[in-house]
Amino acid sequence: MEIGLYTLNLNNAIMNAKLLSTLIGIGTLMTSCYTETSIQDDFIVESAFNTDQVLQSYDLWYVDINATEGTGEVPFLQGAFTISFNNGIVYANNTIVGIGKTGNGFGIEVGSYATLQGVVEINHDTDGLWLFDIFAVNGNTIEARDPRSGTSYFLNGYQMDNFDYDTVFYDNIKLFLQEYDSWEKTYTSEEGALNEFDDEYFLQFNSDFFRSSIDKPGTALSTLQWDFEGDYQVYEIENDKTLKTLTLAYDFMSNDYFELYVINDSTIELYHPSSKTVYEFRGKRYMRNLKAGKSAIVKKRTKTSNPTMKVKRSRIR
């Protein structure tokens, strides 16, 4: 399907799409083609502002899902962590696993795009044609508004060498835990008191419950016996944005509490403050979330608001 099927809509959108004048450092987003901008009533109503230059001014646009406004949904944005625009091609990182490496950091190719002033039309490979009005919010944030549903997505721009990978992992930690079929314990520190969690060797995280197994390391995933199923919760830590905590609701241990650290995109560390034991778990069988096809496992991102736990960091790393 070719770009341009919404020509009439595009013409209407061009008349209405206006870029907010609050763009901080707007000159940094323009090339030598810059011409003077006329600002009236807090909107840029006349300029040679090149929408494509804005979209290509950052390597990666992080989809701040918690900032989304409206009740509609754009499927390919709802599932993406980052989106990129490069010479008519749209790329996306739809998983945390592999982010920064897949497609040289840009992710996978998911479609094509065309721009006019303040408007971008995206032809997604599986989700079809979408028209967005583009508004500037500040020097590194744009609003992509779907006029059909009135839903707005807010995209934060980064260059590849200063992308905040920690934020992606920790802001989306529950989805990260769910991207692997299971997590196998690969390390237990010699320091620390003996406790019942020492016997747990596999964990699996689903959207609203976890499972654990005491099967020994090296057990094939297809033969794992899940011995326990219970609730789990990820917590924010007051005044500490780089730490999350995790509680596992075991009947025989009550709520076991851990400090949760991301080592890399396949390894997590759980620190058990009550026993002072460090555990490492490695992800097994990564479940890819690529394009929204019938055979894909699609995990949509949703707004998250983890409860806050008032504790201080115990683990010094």
C-alpha atoms as a PDB file:
ATOM      1  CA  MET A   1       0.000   0.000   0.000  1.00  0.00           C
ATOM      2  CA  GLU A   2       1.557   3.292  -1.071  1.00  0.00           C
ATOM      3  CA  ILE A   3       1.897   6.508   0.881  1.00  0.00           C
ATOM      4  CA  GLY A   4      -0.695   9.068  -0.194  1.00  0.00           C
ATOM      5  CA  LEU A   5      -4.027   7.284   0.157  1.00  0.00           C
ATOM      6  CA  TYR A   6      -5.041   9.908   2.704  1.00  0.00           C
ATOM      7  CA  THR A   7      -4.329  12.875   0.430  1.00  0.00           C
ATOM      8  CA  LEU A   8      -7.525  14.682   1.351  1.00  0.00           C
ATOM      9  CA  ASN A   9      -6.883  14.127   5.036  1.00  0.00           C
ATOM     10  CA  LEU A  10      -3.336  15.331   4.562  1.00  0.00           C
ATOM     11  CA  ASN A  11      -4.500  18.529   2.931  1.00  0.00           C
ATOM     12  CA  ASN A  12      -6.854  19.193   5.813  1.00  0.00           C
ATOM     13  CA  ALA A  13      -4.202  18.332   8.355  1.00  0.00           C
ATOM     14  CA  ILE A  14      -1.686  20.653   6.729  1.00  0.00           C
ATOM     15  CA  MET A  15      -4.086  23.538   7.206  1.00  0.00           C
ATOM     16  CA  ASN A  16      -4.548  22.718  10.873  1.00  0.00           C
ATOM     17  CA  ALA A  17      -1.197  21.311  12.020  1.00  0.00           C
ATOM     18  CA  LYS A  18       0.824  23.955  13.875  1.00  0.00           C
ATOM     19  CA  LEU A  19       4.064  23.516  15.795  1.00  0.00           C
ATOM     20  CA  LEU A  20       4.162  24.909  19.316  1.00  0.00           C
ATOM     21  CA  SER A  21       6.482  27.861  19.706  1.00  0.00           C
ATOM     22  CA  THR A  22       7.818  26.543  23.003  1.00  0.00           C
ATOM     23  CA  LEU A  23      10.443  24.476  21.198  1.00  0.00           C
ATOM     24  CA  ILE A  24      13.613  25.121  23.178  1.00  0.00           C
ATOM     25  CA  GLY A  25      16.693  25.594  21.021  1.00  0.00           C
ATOM     26  CA  ILE A  26      14.686  25.288  17.842  1.00  0.00           C
ATOM     27  CA  GLY A  27      17.686  26.299  15.797  1.00  0.00           C
ATOM     28  CA  THR A  28      19.481  23.093  16.685  1.00  0.00           C
ATOM     29  CA  LEU A  29      16.774  21.125  14.930  1.00  0.00           C
ATOM     30  CA  MET A  30      17.145  23.002  11.655  1.00  0.00           C
ATOM     31  CA  THR A  31      19.712  22.996   8.886  1.00  0.00           C
ATOM     32  CA  SER A  32      20.961  25.947   6.842  1.00  0.00           C
ATOM     33  CA  CYS A  33      17.529  26.030   5.170  1.00  0.00           C
ATOM     34  CA  TYR A  34      16.225  27.903   8.226  1.00  0.00           C
ATOM     35  CA  THR A  35      14.083  30.963   7.565  1.00  0.00           C
ATOM     36  CA  GLU A  36      12.587  33.347  10.067  1.00  0.00           C
ATOM     37  CA  THR A  37       9.669  31.992  12.058  1.00  0.00           C
ATOM     38  CA  SER A  38       6.561  34.057  12.643  1.00  0.00           C
ATOM     39  CA  ILE A  39       4.964  33.390  16.043  1.00  0.00           C
ATOM     40  CA  GLN A  40       1.361  34.339  16.746  1.00  0.00           C
ATOM     41  CA  ASP A  41      -0.868  33.250  19.619  1.00  0.00           C
ATOM     42  CA  ASP A  42       1.735  30.781  20.896  1.00  0.00           C
ATOM     43  CA  PHE A  43       1.801  28.869  17.625  1.00  0.00           C
ATOM     44  CA  ILE A  44       4.180  28.829  14.702  1.00  0.00           C
ATOM     45  CA  VAL A  45       1.822  29.674  11.876  1.00  0.00           C
ATOM     46  CA  GLU A  46       4.263  30.451   9.100  1.00  0.00           C
ATOM     47  CA  SER A  47       7.704  28.940   8.631  1.00  0.00           C
ATOM     48  CA  ALA A  48       9.882  26.792   6.438  1.00  0.00           C
ATOM     49  CA  PHE A  49      10.182  24.349   9.336  1.00  0.00           C
ATOM     50  CA  ASN A  50      10.945  20.959   7.891  1.00  0.00           C
ATOM     51  CA  THR A  51       9.084  18.201   9.716  1.00  0.00           C
ATOM     52  CA  ASP A  52      11.345  15.534   8.304  1.00  0.00           C
ATOM     53  CA  GLN A  53      14.404  17.337   9.657  1.00  0.00           C
ATOM     54  CA  VAL A  54      12.817  17.339  13.103  1.00  0.00           C
ATOM     55  CA  LEU A  55      12.029  13.625  12.931  1.00  0.00           C
ATOM     56  CA  GLN A  56      15.577  12.844  11.801  1.00  0.00           C
ATOM     57  CA  SER A  57      17.234  15.252  14.246  1.00  0.00           C
ATOM     58  CA  TYR A  58      17.425  12.473  16.868  1.00  0.00           C
ATOM     59  CA  ASP A  59      18.533   8.882  16.311  1.00  0.00           C
ATOM     60  CA  LEU A  60      15.939   7.483  18.696  1.00  0.00           C
ATOM     61  CA  TRP A  61      12.579   8.713  19.946  1.00  0.00           C
ATOM     62  CA  TYR A  62      11.659   7.071  23.254  1.00  0.00           C
ATOM     63  CA  VAL A  63       7.897   6.510  23.529  1.00  0.00           C
ATOM     64  CA  ASP A  64       6.970   7.866  26.966  1.00  0.00           C
ATOM     65  CA  ILE A  65       3.941   5.638  27.370  1.00  0.00           C
ATOM     66  CA  ASN A  66       3.002   7.112  30.765  1.00  0.00           C
ATOM     67  CA  ALA A  67       2.568  10.534  29.158  1.00  0.00           C
ATOM     68  CA  THR A  68       0.066   9.307  26.551  1.00  0.00           C
ATOM     69  CA  GLU A  69      -3.141  11.336  26.376  1.00  0.00           C
ATOM     70  CA  GLY A  70      -6.469  10.122  25.017  1.00  0.00           C
ATOM     71  CA  THR A  71      -8.475   6.916  24.999  1.00  0.00           C
ATOM     72  CA  GLY A  72      -7.478   5.621  21.578  1.00  0.00           C
ATOM     73  CA  GLU A  73      -4.537   3.431  20.681  1.00  0.00           C
ATOM     74  CA  VAL A  74      -1.982   3.269  17.887  1.00  0.00           C
ATOM     75  CA  PRO A  75      -0.866  -0.385  17.919  1.00  0.00           C
ATOM     76  CA  PHE A  76       2.710   0.039  16.699  1.00  0.00           C
ATOM     77  CA  LEU A  77       3.394   2.934  19.077  1.00  0.00           C
ATOM     78  CA  GLN A  78       1.740   1.149  21.979  1.00  0.00           C
ATOM     79  CA  GLY A  79       4.207  -1.716  21.628  1.00  0.00           C
ATOM     80  CA  ALA A  80       7.351   0.254  20.819  1.00  0.00           C
ATOM     81  CA  PHE A  81      10.026   1.469  23.221  1.00  0.00           C
ATOM     82  CA  THR A  82      11.722   3.593  20.581  1.00  0.00           C
ATOM     83  CA  ILE A  83      10.892   4.697  17.071  1.00  0.00           C
ATOM     84  CA  SER A  84      13.275   6.175  14.498  1.00  0.00           C
ATOM     85  CA  PHE A  85      12.871   7.994  11.189  1.00  0.00           C
ATOM     86  CA  ASN A  86      15.605   7.688   8.587  1.00  0.00           C
ATOM     87  CA  ASN A  87      15.247   8.760   4.962  1.00  0.00           C
ATOM     88  CA  GLY A  88      11.684   7.552   4.566  1.00  0.00           C
ATOM     89  CA  ILE A  89      12.066   4.376   6.622  1.00  0.00           C
ATOM     90  CA  VAL A  90      10.571   3.817  10.091  1.00  0.00           C
ATOM     91  CA  TYR A  91      12.429   1.656  12.614  1.00  0.00           C
ATOM     92  CA  ALA A  92      11.333   0.474  16.057  1.00  0.00           C
ATOM     93  CA  ASN A  93      12.714  -1.264  19.123  1.00  0.00           C
ATOM     94  CA  ASN A  94       9.760  -3.368  20.252  1.00  0.00           C
ATOM     95  CA  THR A  95      11.620  -5.224  22.985  1.00  0.00           C
ATOM     96  CA  ILE A  96      13.954  -4.235  25.779  1.00  0.00           C
ATOM     97  CA  VAL A  97      16.049  -7.305  25.108  1.00  0.00           C
ATOM     98  CA  GLY A  98      18.459  -6.413  22.332  1.00  0.00           C
ATOM     99  CA  ILE A  99      17.839  -2.693  22.563  1.00  0.00           C
ATOM    100  CA  GLY A 100      20.991  -0.849  21.544  1.00  0.00           C
ATOM    101  CA  LYS A 101      22.148  -3.811  19.447  1.00  0.00           C
ATOM    102  CA  THR A 102      19.310  -4.821  17.123  1.00  0.00           C
ATOM    103  CA  GLY A 103      19.633  -3.011  13.799  1.00  0.00           C
ATOM    104  CA  ASN A 104      22.703  -1.123  15.025  1.00  0.00           C
ATOM    105  CA  GLY A 105      20.538   0.279  17.813  1.00  0.00           C
ATOM    106  CA  PHE A 106      17.639   1.442  15.650  1.00  0.00           C
ATOM    107  CA  GLY A 107      15.691  -1.798  15.959  1.00  0.00           C
ATOM    108  CA  ILE A 108      13.864  -3.406  13.064  1.00  0.00           C
ATOM    109  CA  GLU A 109      12.368  -1.829   9.965  1.00  0.00           C
ATOM    110  CA  VAL A 110       8.605  -1.572  10.455  1.00  0.00           C
ATOM    111  CA  GLY A 111       7.386   0.680   7.642  1.00  0.00           C
ATOM    112  CA  SER A 112       7.808   3.862   5.648  1.00  0.00           C
ATOM    113  CA  TYR A 113       6.854   7.492   6.135  1.00  0.00           C
ATOM    114  CA  ALA A 114       6.302  10.755   4.273  1.00  0.00           C
ATOM    115  CA  THR A 115       6.105  14.281   5.697  1.00  0.00           C
ATOM    116  CA  LEU A 116       4.565  17.632   5.020  1.00  0.00           C
ATOM    117  CA  GLN A 117       4.640  20.696   7.246  1.00  0.00           C
ATOM    118  CA  GLY A 118       3.638  19.576  10.727  1.00  0.00           C
ATOM    119  CA  VAL A 119       2.346  16.226   9.467  1.00  0.00           C
ATOM    120  CA  VAL A 120       3.756  12.720   9.099  1.00  0.00           C
ATOM    121  CA  GLU A 121       2.014   9.816   7.424  1.00  0.00           C
ATOM    122  CA  ILE A 122       3.314   6.391   8.461  1.00  0.00           C
ATOM    123  CA  ASN A 123       2.622   3.265   6.432  1.00  0.00           C
ATOM    124  CA  HIS A 124       3.254   0.507   8.966  1.00  0.00           C
ATOM    125  CA  ASP A 125       3.973  -2.933   7.532  1.00  0.00           C
ATOM    126  CA  THR A 126       1.198  -4.632   9.500  1.00  0.00           C
ATOM    127  CA  ASP A 127      -0.895  -1.844  11.050  1.00  0.00           C
ATOM    128  CA  GLY A 128      -1.456   0.127   7.852  1.00  0.00           C
ATOM    129  CA  LEU A 129      -1.653   3.874   7.270  1.00  0.00           C
ATOM    130  CA  TRP A 130      -1.635   6.370  10.125  1.00  0.00           C
ATOM    131  CA  LEU A 131      -1.636  10.146   9.936  1.00  0.00           C
ATOM    132  CA  PHE A 132      -0.172  12.233  12.759  1.00  0.00           C
ATOM    133  CA  ASP A 133      -0.010  15.927  13.505  1.00  0.00           C
ATOM    134  CA  ILE A 134       3.418  16.732  14.949  1.00  0.00           C
ATOM    135  CA  PHE A 135       3.756  19.355  17.685  1.00  0.00           C
ATOM    136  CA  ALA A 136       6.950  20.493  19.368  1.00  0.00           C
ATOM    137  CA  VAL A 137       6.816  20.333  23.162  1.00  0.00           C
ATOM    138  CA  ASN A 138      10.383  21.330  24.001  1.00  0.00           C
ATOM    139  CA  GLY A 139      13.911  20.929  22.697  1.00  0.00           C
ATOM    140  CA  ASN A 140      13.853  17.136  22.693  1.00  0.00           C
ATOM    141  CA  THR A 141      10.167  16.197  22.940  1.00  0.00           C
ATOM    142  CA  ILE A 142       7.492  16.049  20.266  1.00  0.00           C
ATOM    143  CA  GLU A 143       3.821  15.168  20.407  1.00  0.00           C
ATOM    144  CA  ALA A 144       2.459  12.823  17.734  1.00  0.00           C
ATOM    145  CA  ARG A 145      -1.323  13.258  17.657  1.00  0.00           C
ATOM    146  CA  ASP A 146      -3.665  10.839  15.896  1.00  0.00           C
ATOM    147  CA  PRO A 147      -6.512  13.132  14.777  1.00  0.00           C
ATOM    148  CA  ARG A 148      -8.925  10.243  14.237  1.00  0.00           C
ATOM    149  CA  SER A 149      -8.943   9.236  17.902  1.00  0.00           C
ATOM    150  CA  GLY A 150      -7.573  12.403  19.476  1.00  0.00           C
ATOM    151  CA  THR A 151      -4.819  10.337  21.112  1.00  0.00           C
ATOM    152  CA  SER A 152      -1.366  11.849  21.614  1.00  0.00           C
ATOM    153  CA  TYR A 153       1.930  10.032  22.108  1.00  0.00           C
ATOM    154  CA  PHE A 154       4.920  11.917  23.479  1.00  0.00           C
ATOM    155  CA  LEU A 155       8.345  11.064  22.082  1.00  0.00           C
ATOM    156  CA  ASN A 156      11.617  12.034  23.772  1.00  0.00           C
ATOM    157  CA  GLY A 157      14.596  12.420  21.440  1.00  0.00           C
ATOM    158  CA  TYR A 158      18.050  10.932  22.041  1.00  0.00           C
ATOM    159  CA  GLN A 159      21.208  10.489  20.035  1.00  0.00           C
ATOM    160  CA  MET A 160      22.528   6.943  20.039  1.00  0.00           C
ATOM    161  CA  ASP A 161      25.543   7.771  22.205  1.00  0.00           C
ATOM    162  CA  ASN A 162      23.527   9.410  24.985  1.00  0.00           C
ATOM    163  CA  PHE A 163      20.448   7.228  25.058  1.00  0.00           C
ATOM    164  CA  ASP A 164      19.342   6.516  28.620  1.00  0.00           C
ATOM    165  CA  TYR A 165      19.231   2.710  28.586  1.00  0.00           C
ATOM    166  CA  ASP A 166      18.903   2.550  32.384  1.00  0.00           C
ATOM    167  CA  THR A 167      15.665   4.511  32.196  1.00  0.00           C
ATOM    168  CA  VAL A 168      14.243   2.127  29.590  1.00  0.00           C
ATOM    169  CA  PHE A 169      15.028  -0.924  31.708  1.00  0.00           C
ATOM    170  CA  TYR A 170      13.896   0.449  35.045  1.00  0.00           C
ATOM    171  CA  ASP A 171      10.802   2.269  33.742  1.00  0.00           C
ATOM    172  CA  ASN A 172       9.641  -0.931  32.036  1.00  0.00           C
ATOM    173  CA  ILE A 173      11.027  -3.512  34.433  1.00  0.00           C
ATOM    174  CA  LYS A 174       7.892  -5.685  34.592  1.00  0.00           C
ATOM    175  CA  LEU A 175       7.798  -6.008  30.797  1.00  0.00           C
ATOM    176  CA  PHE A 176      11.500  -6.837  30.816  1.00  0.00           C
ATOM    177  CA  LEU A 177      10.918  -9.638  33.331  1.00  0.00           C
ATOM    178  CA  GLN A 178       8.180 -10.993  31.049  1.00  0.00           C
ATOM    179  CA  GLU A 179      10.308 -10.957  27.880  1.00  0.00           C
ATOM    180  CA  TYR A 180      11.912 -14.278  28.811  1.00  0.00           C
ATOM    181  CA  ASP A 181      10.041 -17.521  29.187  1.00  0.00           C
ATOM    182  CA  SER A 182      11.875 -18.130  32.448  1.00  0.00           C
ATOM    183  CA  TRP A 183      14.852 -17.007  34.537  1.00  0.00           C
ATOM    184  CA  GLU A 184      17.439 -19.544  35.692  1.00  0.00           C
ATOM    185  CA  LYS A 185      19.546 -18.981  38.800  1.00  0.00           C
ATOM    186  CA  THR A 186      23.205 -18.933  37.802  1.00  0.00           C
ATOM    187  CA  TYR A 187      24.885 -17.593  40.937  1.00  0.00           C
ATOM    188  CA  THR A 188      24.409 -17.580  44.687  1.00  0.00           C
ATOM    189  CA  SER A 189      26.885 -15.690  46.842  1.00  0.00           C
ATOM    190  CA  GLU A 190      28.832 -17.535  49.509  1.00  0.00           C
ATOM    191  CA  GLU A 191      28.081 -14.659  51.854  1.00  0.00           C
ATOM    192  CA  GLY A 192      24.643 -14.642  53.405  1.00  0.00           C
ATOM    193  CA  ALA A 193      22.580 -16.726  55.762  1.00  0.00           C
ATOM    194  CA  LEU A 194      20.895 -19.914  54.603  1.00  0.00           C
ATOM    195  CA  ASN A 195      17.267 -19.347  53.626  1.00  0.00           C
ATOM    196  CA  GLU A 196      14.485 -21.109  51.745  1.00  0.00           C
ATOM    197  CA  PHE A 197      14.961 -19.105  48.563  1.00  0.00           C
ATOM    198  CA  ASP A 198      18.347 -20.827  48.157  1.00  0.00           C
ATOM    199  CA  ASP A 199      16.381 -23.824  46.840  1.00  0.00           C
ATOM    200  CA  GLU A 200      14.516 -21.870  44.154  1.00  0.00           C
ATOM    201  CA  TYR A 201      16.308 -22.207  40.796  1.00  0.00           C
ATOM    202  CA  PHE A 202      13.813 -20.986  38.185  1.00  0.00           C
ATOM    203  CA  LEU A 203      11.414 -18.043  38.094  1.00  0.00           C
ATOM    204  CA  GLN A 204       8.799 -17.110  35.537  1.00  0.00           C
ATOM    205  CA  PHE A 205       7.012 -13.754  35.448  1.00  0.00           C
ATOM    206  CA  ASN A 206       3.612 -13.315  33.839  1.00  0.00           C
ATOM    207  CA  SER A 207       1.571 -10.136  33.727  1.00  0.00           C
ATOM    208  CA  ASP A 208      -0.014 -10.656  37.146  1.00  0.00           C
ATOM    209  CA  PHE A 209       1.612 -13.691  38.778  1.00  0.00           C
ATOM    210  CA  PHE A 210       4.935 -15.510  39.046  1.00  0.00           C
ATOM    211  CA  ARG A 211       5.905 -19.171  39.176  1.00  0.00           C
ATOM    212  CA  SER A 212       8.971 -20.822  40.679  1.00  0.00           C
ATOM    213  CA  SER A 213      10.675 -24.186  40.455  1.00  0.00           C
ATOM    214  CA  ILE A 214      13.193 -26.057  42.583  1.00  0.00           C
ATOM    215  CA  ASP A 215      14.370 -28.094  39.573  1.00  0.00           C
ATOM    216  CA  LYS A 216      18.145 -28.106  39.402  1.00  0.00           C
ATOM    217  CA  PRO A 217      20.133 -25.778  37.098  1.00  0.00           C
ATOM    218  CA  GLY A 218      20.408 -27.090  33.554  1.00  0.00           C
ATOM    219  CA  THR A 219      16.920 -28.589  33.527  1.00  0.00           C
ATOM    220  CA  ALA A 220      15.367 -28.251  30.065  1.00  0.00           C
ATOM    221  CA  LEU A 221      12.590 -25.684  29.952  1.00  0.00           C
ATOM    222  CA  SER A 222      10.234 -28.227  28.418  1.00  0.00           C
ATOM    223  CA  THR A 223      10.567 -30.495  31.462  1.00  0.00           C
ATOM    224  CA  LEU A 224      10.434 -27.865  34.205  1.00  0.00           C
ATOM    225  CA  GLN A 225       7.968 -28.540  37.003  1.00  0.00           C
ATOM    226  CA  TRP A 226       6.544 -25.348  38.436  1.00  0.00           C
ATOM    227  CA  ASP A 227       6.244 -25.939  42.177  1.00  0.00           C
ATOM    228  CA  PHE A 228       4.684 -22.669  43.242  1.00  0.00           C
ATOM    229  CA  GLU A 229       2.524 -19.881  41.841  1.00  0.00           C
ATOM    230  CA  GLY A 230       1.861 -16.568  43.568  1.00  0.00           C
ATOM    231  CA  ASP A 231       1.585 -12.814  43.312  1.00  0.00           C
ATOM    232  CA  TYR A 232       4.514 -10.491  42.771  1.00  0.00           C
ATOM    233  CA  GLN A 233       4.944  -6.733  42.892  1.00  0.00           C
ATOM    234  CA  VAL A 234       7.585  -4.303  41.683  1.00  0.00           C
ATOM    235  CA  TYR A 235       8.046  -1.166  43.802  1.00  0.00           C
ATOM    236  CA  GLU A 236       9.503   2.260  43.238  1.00  0.00           C
ATOM    237  CA  ILE A 237      11.914   3.472  45.921  1.00  0.00           C
ATOM    238  CA  GLU A 238      11.430   6.918  47.358  1.00  0.00           C
ATOM    239  CA  ASN A 239      14.232   9.279  46.246  1.00  0.00           C
ATOM    240  CA  ASP A 240      16.101   6.508  44.399  1.00  0.00           C
ATOM    241  CA  LYS A 241      15.222   6.262  40.711  1.00  0.00           C
ATOM    242  CA  THR A 242      17.893   3.667  39.946  1.00  0.00           C
ATOM    243  CA  LEU A 243      16.553   1.035  42.322  1.00  0.00           C
ATOM    244  CA  LYS A 244      13.483  -1.178  42.181  1.00  0.00           C
ATOM    245  CA  THR A 245      12.392  -3.729  44.738  1.00  0.00           C
ATOM    246  CA  LEU A 246      10.531  -6.970  44.159  1.00  0.00           C
ATOM    247  CA  THR A 247       8.275  -8.951  46.469  1.00  0.00           C
ATOM    248  CA  LEU A 248       7.373 -12.575  45.813  1.00  0.00           C
ATOM    249  CA  ALA A 249       4.331 -13.787  47.751  1.00  0.00           C
ATOM    250  CA  TYR A 250       5.336 -17.245  48.943  1.00  0.00           C
ATOM    251  CA  ASP A 251       2.902 -18.973  51.283  1.00  0.00           C
ATOM    252  CA  PHE A 252       5.707 -20.638  53.211  1.00  0.00           C
ATOM    253  CA  MET A 253       7.984 -17.580  53.311  1.00  0.00           C
ATOM    254  CA  SER A 254       5.333 -14.843  53.373  1.00  0.00           C
ATOM    255  CA  ASN A 255       6.373 -11.943  51.112  1.00  0.00           C
ATOM    256  CA  ASP A 256      10.030 -12.412  50.250  1.00  0.00           C
ATOM    257  CA  TYR A 257      11.637  -9.062  49.522  1.00  0.00           C
ATOM    258  CA  PHE A 258      14.540  -8.352  47.146  1.00  0.00           C
ATOM    259  CA  GLU A 259      16.394  -5.402  45.715  1.00  0.00           C
ATOM    260  CA  LEU A 260      16.236  -5.777  41.941  1.00  0.00           C
ATOM    261  CA  TYR A 261      19.142  -4.758  39.705  1.00  0.00           C
ATOM    262  CA  VAL A 262      19.557  -5.096  35.934  1.00  0.00           C
ATOM    263  CA  ILE A 263      23.030  -6.346  34.998  1.00  0.00           C
ATOM    264  CA  ASN A 264      22.427  -6.482  31.242  1.00  0.00           C
ATOM    265  CA  ASP A 265      19.605  -7.400  28.883  1.00  0.00           C
ATOM    266  CA  SER A 266      19.766 -11.063  29.884  1.00  0.00           C
ATOM    267  CA  THR A 267      20.815 -10.979  33.542  1.00  0.00           C
ATOM    268  CA  ILE A 268      19.239  -9.649  36.723  1.00  0.00           C
ATOM    269  CA  GLU A 269      20.498  -9.566  40.287  1.00  0.00           C
ATOM    270  CA  LEU A 270      18.278 -10.152  43.305  1.00  0.00           C
ATOM    271  CA  TYR A 271      19.693  -9.069  46.640  1.00  0.00           C
ATOM    272  CA  HIS A 272      17.976 -10.568  49.667  1.00  0.00           C
ATOM    273  CA  PRO A 273      18.426  -8.041  52.517  1.00  0.00           C
ATOM    274  CA  SER A 274      17.146 -10.320  55.253  1.00  0.00           C
ATOM    275  CA  SER A 275      19.829 -12.958  54.564  1.00  0.00           C
ATOM    276  CA  LYS A 276      22.355 -10.636  52.817  1.00  0.00           C
ATOM    277  CA  THR A 277      22.526 -13.105  49.912  1.00  0.00           C
ATOM    278  CA  VAL A 278      23.102 -12.109  46.279  1.00  0.00           C
ATOM    279  CA  TYR A 279      21.498 -14.137  43.488  1.00  0.00           C
ATOM    280  CA  GLU A 280      21.881 -13.801  39.735  1.00  0.00           C
ATOM    281  CA  PHE A 281      19.347 -15.080  37.221  1.00  0.00           C
ATOM    282  CA  ARG A 282      19.804 -15.379  33.463  1.00  0.00           C
ATOM    283  CA  GLY A 283      16.885 -15.160  31.037  1.00  0.00           C
ATOM    284  CA  LYS A 284      15.992 -18.310  29.127  1.00  0.00           C
ATOM    285  CA  ARG A 285      14.159 -18.406  25.784  1.00  0.00           C
ATOM    286  CA  TYR A 286      13.663 -14.805  24.817  1.00  0.00           C
ATOM    287  CA  MET A 287      10.128 -14.210  23.541  1.00  0.00           C
ATOM    288  CA  ARG A 288      10.422 -11.834  20.604  1.00  0.00           C
ATOM    289  CA  ASN A 289       7.926  -9.014  20.159  1.00  0.00           C
ATOM    290  CA  LEU A 290       8.436  -7.742  16.647  1.00  0.00           C
ATOM    291  CA  LYS A 291       5.623  -6.937  14.262  1.00  0.00           C
ATOM    292  CA  ALA A 292       1.932  -7.266  15.045  1.00  0.00           C
ATOM    293  CA  GLY A 293       1.321 -10.400  13.013  1.00  0.00           C
ATOM    294  CA  LYS A 294      -0.676 -13.504  13.821  1.00  0.00           C
ATOM    295  CA  SER A 295       2.436 -15.503  14.724  1.00  0.00           C
ATOM    296  CA  ALA A 296       4.036 -12.807  16.903  1.00  0.00           C
ATOM    297  CA  ILE A 297       3.833 -12.579  20.674  1.00  0.00           C
ATOM    298  CA  VAL A 298       2.743  -8.991  21.161  1.00  0.00           C
ATOM    299  CA  LYS A 299       3.083  -7.377  24.567  1.00  0.00           C
ATOM    300  CA  LYS A 300       1.531  -3.947  24.606  1.00  0.00           C
ATOM    301  CA  ARG A 301       2.940  -1.337  26.901  1.00  0.00           C
ATOM    302  CA  THR A 302       0.505   0.234  29.331  1.00  0.00           C
ATOM    303  CA  LYS A 303       0.734   3.102  31.738  1.00  0.00           C
ATOM    304  CA  THR A 304       2.362   1.923  34.926  1.00  0.00           C
ATOM    305  CA  SER A 305       2.243   3.303  38.418  1.00  0.00           C
ATOM    306  CA  ASN A 306       4.166   1.024  40.737  1.00  0.00           C
ATOM    307  CA  PRO A 307       3.586   1.570  44.458  1.00  0.00           C
ATOM    308  CA  THR A 308       6.370   3.241  46.402  1.00  0.00           C
ATOM    309  CA  MET A 309       8.320   1.497  49.134  1.00  0.00           C
ATOM    310  CA  LYS A 310      10.003   3.618  51.785  1.00  0.00           C
ATOM    311  CA  VAL A 311      13.277   1.767  52.284  1.00  0.00           C
ATOM    312  CA  LYS A 312      16.935   2.568  51.823  1.00  0.00           C
ATOM    313  CA  ARG A 313      19.274   0.739  49.481  1.00  0.00           C
ATOM    314  CA  SER A 314      21.004  -2.133  51.305  1.00  0.00           C
ATOM    315  CA  ARG A 315      23.247  -3.446  48.548  1.00  0.00           C
ATOM    316  CA  ILE A 316      26.443  -1.504  47.844  1.00  0.00           C
ATOM    317  CA  ARG A 317      27.542  -2.416  44.313  1.00  0.00           C
END
